[in-house]
N, C-alpha and C. Protein backbone atom coordinates (compact mmCIF):
# COMPACT_ATOMS: atom_id res chain seq x y z
N UNK A 1 -55.18 -2.79 -16.55
CA UNK A 1 -54.56 -4.10 -16.48
C UNK A 1 -53.26 -3.99 -15.69
N UNK A 2 -53.07 -4.89 -14.73
CA UNK A 2 -51.88 -4.87 -13.89
C UNK A 2 -50.77 -5.68 -14.54
N UNK A 3 -49.59 -5.10 -14.60
CA UNK A 3 -48.43 -5.80 -15.15
C UNK A 3 -47.67 -6.47 -14.01
N UNK A 4 -47.41 -7.73 -14.16
CA UNK A 4 -46.59 -8.43 -13.19
C UNK A 4 -45.37 -8.98 -13.90
N UNK A 5 -44.26 -8.98 -13.20
CA UNK A 5 -43.05 -9.51 -13.81
C UNK A 5 -43.08 -11.03 -13.76
N UNK A 6 -42.44 -11.64 -14.74
CA UNK A 6 -42.36 -13.09 -14.77
C UNK A 6 -41.44 -13.56 -13.65
N UNK A 7 -41.81 -14.66 -13.07
CA UNK A 7 -41.01 -15.24 -11.99
C UNK A 7 -40.05 -16.27 -12.58
N UNK A 8 -38.88 -16.34 -12.01
CA UNK A 8 -37.84 -17.25 -12.49
C UNK A 8 -37.83 -18.52 -11.64
N UNK A 9 -37.84 -19.67 -12.31
CA UNK A 9 -37.76 -20.94 -11.60
C UNK A 9 -36.42 -21.03 -10.87
N UNK A 10 -35.36 -20.57 -11.49
CA UNK A 10 -34.03 -20.62 -10.87
C UNK A 10 -33.97 -19.85 -9.57
N UNK A 11 -34.52 -18.64 -9.56
CA UNK A 11 -34.53 -17.83 -8.34
C UNK A 11 -35.37 -18.52 -7.27
N UNK A 12 -36.54 -19.03 -7.66
CA UNK A 12 -37.41 -19.72 -6.70
C UNK A 12 -36.71 -20.95 -6.13
N UNK A 13 -35.98 -21.68 -6.97
CA UNK A 13 -35.28 -22.87 -6.52
C UNK A 13 -34.18 -22.52 -5.52
N UNK A 14 -33.41 -21.48 -5.80
CA UNK A 14 -32.33 -21.06 -4.89
C UNK A 14 -32.93 -20.61 -3.55
N UNK A 15 -34.01 -19.87 -3.61
CA UNK A 15 -34.68 -19.43 -2.37
C UNK A 15 -35.18 -20.63 -1.58
N UNK A 16 -35.76 -21.60 -2.30
CA UNK A 16 -36.25 -22.81 -1.63
C UNK A 16 -35.09 -23.56 -0.98
N UNK A 17 -33.98 -23.69 -1.70
CA UNK A 17 -32.84 -24.45 -1.20
C UNK A 17 -32.22 -23.78 0.03
N UNK A 18 -32.06 -22.46 -0.03
CA UNK A 18 -31.37 -21.74 1.04
C UNK A 18 -32.29 -21.33 2.20
N UNK A 19 -33.49 -20.92 1.86
CA UNK A 19 -34.40 -20.38 2.88
C UNK A 19 -35.78 -21.01 2.83
N UNK A 20 -35.83 -22.25 2.37
CA UNK A 20 -37.11 -22.93 2.21
C UNK A 20 -37.90 -23.06 3.50
N UNK A 21 -37.22 -23.29 4.61
CA UNK A 21 -37.91 -23.45 5.89
C UNK A 21 -38.63 -22.17 6.30
N UNK A 22 -38.17 -21.05 5.80
CA UNK A 22 -38.83 -19.77 6.10
C UNK A 22 -39.89 -19.42 5.07
N UNK A 23 -40.00 -20.23 4.03
CA UNK A 23 -40.99 -19.97 2.99
C UNK A 23 -40.61 -18.86 2.03
N UNK A 24 -39.30 -18.58 1.90
CA UNK A 24 -38.85 -17.48 1.04
C UNK A 24 -39.28 -17.67 -0.41
N UNK A 25 -39.28 -18.91 -0.88
CA UNK A 25 -39.69 -19.18 -2.27
C UNK A 25 -41.16 -18.86 -2.47
N UNK A 26 -41.97 -19.07 -1.47
CA UNK A 26 -43.41 -18.76 -1.57
C UNK A 26 -43.64 -17.25 -1.53
N UNK A 27 -42.82 -16.56 -0.76
CA UNK A 27 -42.93 -15.10 -0.74
C UNK A 27 -42.54 -14.56 -2.11
N UNK A 28 -41.49 -15.13 -2.70
CA UNK A 28 -41.04 -14.69 -4.03
C UNK A 28 -42.15 -14.84 -5.07
N UNK A 29 -42.88 -15.94 -5.02
CA UNK A 29 -43.94 -16.13 -6.02
C UNK A 29 -45.26 -15.50 -5.56
N UNK A 30 -45.19 -14.74 -4.48
CA UNK A 30 -46.31 -14.00 -3.92
C UNK A 30 -47.47 -14.91 -3.51
N UNK A 31 -47.11 -15.98 -2.84
CA UNK A 31 -48.10 -16.90 -2.29
C UNK A 31 -48.84 -16.17 -1.16
N UNK A 32 -50.06 -16.55 -0.94
CA UNK A 32 -50.84 -15.91 0.12
C UNK A 32 -50.24 -16.23 1.48
N UNK A 33 -50.35 -15.28 2.39
CA UNK A 33 -49.77 -15.41 3.73
C UNK A 33 -50.36 -16.62 4.46
N UNK A 34 -51.62 -16.91 4.23
CA UNK A 34 -52.28 -18.05 4.85
C UNK A 34 -51.50 -19.33 4.58
N UNK A 35 -51.11 -19.55 3.35
CA UNK A 35 -50.37 -20.75 3.00
C UNK A 35 -48.97 -20.73 3.59
N UNK A 36 -48.38 -19.56 3.67
CA UNK A 36 -47.06 -19.44 4.30
C UNK A 36 -47.12 -19.87 5.76
N UNK A 37 -48.19 -19.45 6.44
CA UNK A 37 -48.34 -19.81 7.85
C UNK A 37 -48.37 -21.32 8.02
N UNK A 38 -49.18 -22.00 7.22
CA UNK A 38 -49.29 -23.45 7.34
C UNK A 38 -48.00 -24.14 6.95
N UNK A 39 -47.31 -23.64 5.93
CA UNK A 39 -46.02 -24.19 5.52
C UNK A 39 -45.02 -24.07 6.66
N UNK A 40 -45.00 -22.91 7.30
CA UNK A 40 -44.11 -22.66 8.43
C UNK A 40 -44.46 -23.56 9.61
N UNK A 41 -45.74 -23.71 9.89
CA UNK A 41 -46.19 -24.53 11.00
C UNK A 41 -45.78 -25.99 10.81
N UNK A 42 -45.99 -26.54 9.62
CA UNK A 42 -45.62 -27.92 9.34
C UNK A 42 -44.11 -28.09 9.46
N UNK A 43 -43.34 -27.12 8.97
CA UNK A 43 -41.89 -27.19 9.10
C UNK A 43 -41.45 -27.26 10.55
N UNK A 44 -42.04 -26.46 11.40
CA UNK A 44 -41.67 -26.49 12.81
C UNK A 44 -42.13 -27.77 13.49
N UNK A 45 -43.25 -28.32 13.06
CA UNK A 45 -43.69 -29.59 13.64
C UNK A 45 -42.68 -30.69 13.34
N UNK A 46 -42.13 -30.69 12.13
CA UNK A 46 -41.12 -31.68 11.77
C UNK A 46 -39.89 -31.51 12.66
N UNK A 47 -39.50 -30.29 12.92
CA UNK A 47 -38.35 -30.03 13.79
C UNK A 47 -38.62 -30.57 15.19
N UNK A 48 -39.81 -30.33 15.72
CA UNK A 48 -40.14 -30.81 17.06
C UNK A 48 -40.22 -32.32 17.11
N UNK A 49 -40.71 -32.96 16.07
CA UNK A 49 -40.74 -34.43 16.04
C UNK A 49 -39.32 -34.96 16.07
N UNK A 50 -38.42 -34.32 15.35
CA UNK A 50 -37.02 -34.74 15.34
C UNK A 50 -36.40 -34.67 16.74
N UNK A 51 -36.80 -33.71 17.53
CA UNK A 51 -36.26 -33.60 18.89
C UNK A 51 -36.57 -34.86 19.67
N UNK A 52 -37.77 -35.38 19.51
CA UNK A 52 -38.15 -36.59 20.23
C UNK A 52 -37.49 -37.84 19.66
N UNK A 53 -37.13 -37.82 18.39
CA UNK A 53 -36.49 -38.96 17.76
C UNK A 53 -34.97 -38.91 17.83
N UNK A 54 -34.43 -37.78 18.23
CA UNK A 54 -32.99 -37.57 18.19
C UNK A 54 -32.22 -38.61 19.01
N UNK A 55 -32.65 -38.91 20.21
CA UNK A 55 -31.95 -39.87 21.07
C UNK A 55 -31.87 -41.23 20.40
N UNK A 56 -32.98 -41.72 19.85
CA UNK A 56 -32.95 -43.04 19.22
C UNK A 56 -32.11 -43.04 17.96
N UNK A 57 -32.10 -41.92 17.21
CA UNK A 57 -31.28 -41.83 16.00
C UNK A 57 -29.80 -41.87 16.37
N UNK A 58 -29.42 -41.17 17.43
CA UNK A 58 -28.03 -41.16 17.88
C UNK A 58 -27.63 -42.54 18.37
N UNK A 59 -28.49 -43.19 19.15
CA UNK A 59 -28.19 -44.54 19.64
C UNK A 59 -27.97 -45.51 18.49
N UNK A 60 -28.80 -45.41 17.47
CA UNK A 60 -28.70 -46.29 16.31
C UNK A 60 -27.36 -46.09 15.59
N UNK A 61 -26.96 -44.83 15.37
CA UNK A 61 -25.69 -44.54 14.70
C UNK A 61 -24.51 -44.98 15.55
N UNK A 62 -24.63 -44.83 16.88
CA UNK A 62 -23.54 -45.27 17.76
C UNK A 62 -23.40 -46.79 17.73
N UNK A 63 -24.51 -47.50 17.64
CA UNK A 63 -24.46 -48.96 17.53
C UNK A 63 -23.77 -49.37 16.23
N UNK A 64 -24.10 -48.69 15.13
CA UNK A 64 -23.44 -48.99 13.85
C UNK A 64 -21.94 -48.74 13.95
N UNK A 65 -21.55 -47.64 14.58
CA UNK A 65 -20.13 -47.32 14.72
C UNK A 65 -19.42 -48.37 15.57
N UNK A 66 -20.07 -48.85 16.60
CA UNK A 66 -19.48 -49.87 17.47
C UNK A 66 -19.30 -51.19 16.71
N UNK A 67 -20.28 -51.56 15.93
CA UNK A 67 -20.18 -52.78 15.12
C UNK A 67 -19.04 -52.64 14.12
N UNK A 68 -18.95 -51.50 13.46
CA UNK A 68 -17.85 -51.27 12.50
C UNK A 68 -16.49 -51.30 13.19
N UNK A 69 -16.41 -50.76 14.39
CA UNK A 69 -15.16 -50.77 15.14
C UNK A 69 -14.75 -52.20 15.46
N UNK A 70 -15.72 -53.03 15.87
CA UNK A 70 -15.43 -54.42 16.19
C UNK A 70 -15.01 -55.21 14.95
N UNK A 71 -15.64 -54.93 13.82
CA UNK A 71 -15.28 -55.60 12.57
C UNK A 71 -13.85 -55.24 12.17
N UNK A 72 -13.49 -54.00 12.29
CA UNK A 72 -12.12 -53.57 11.93
C UNK A 72 -11.08 -54.15 12.88
N UNK A 73 -11.48 -54.42 14.13
CA UNK A 73 -10.54 -54.96 15.10
C UNK A 73 -10.21 -56.42 14.82
N UNK A 74 -11.07 -57.09 14.08
CA UNK A 74 -10.84 -58.52 13.76
C UNK A 74 -9.72 -58.67 12.84
């Protein structure tokens, strides 16, 4: 019979919070590499989607700042 140590939710949470994009929490709980690959791939896809949305997000925030500036000038 193989003995495995109990995993701590706290440790897994800290790993997820700090290194979640790298799948550190899944490595800690000994998740299969296959799932890590897909988790990593989806994470990078989100990053690439953000690159295409970045210009419109910046424009939107700049418009809000301009409106706030005009309101304060009144």
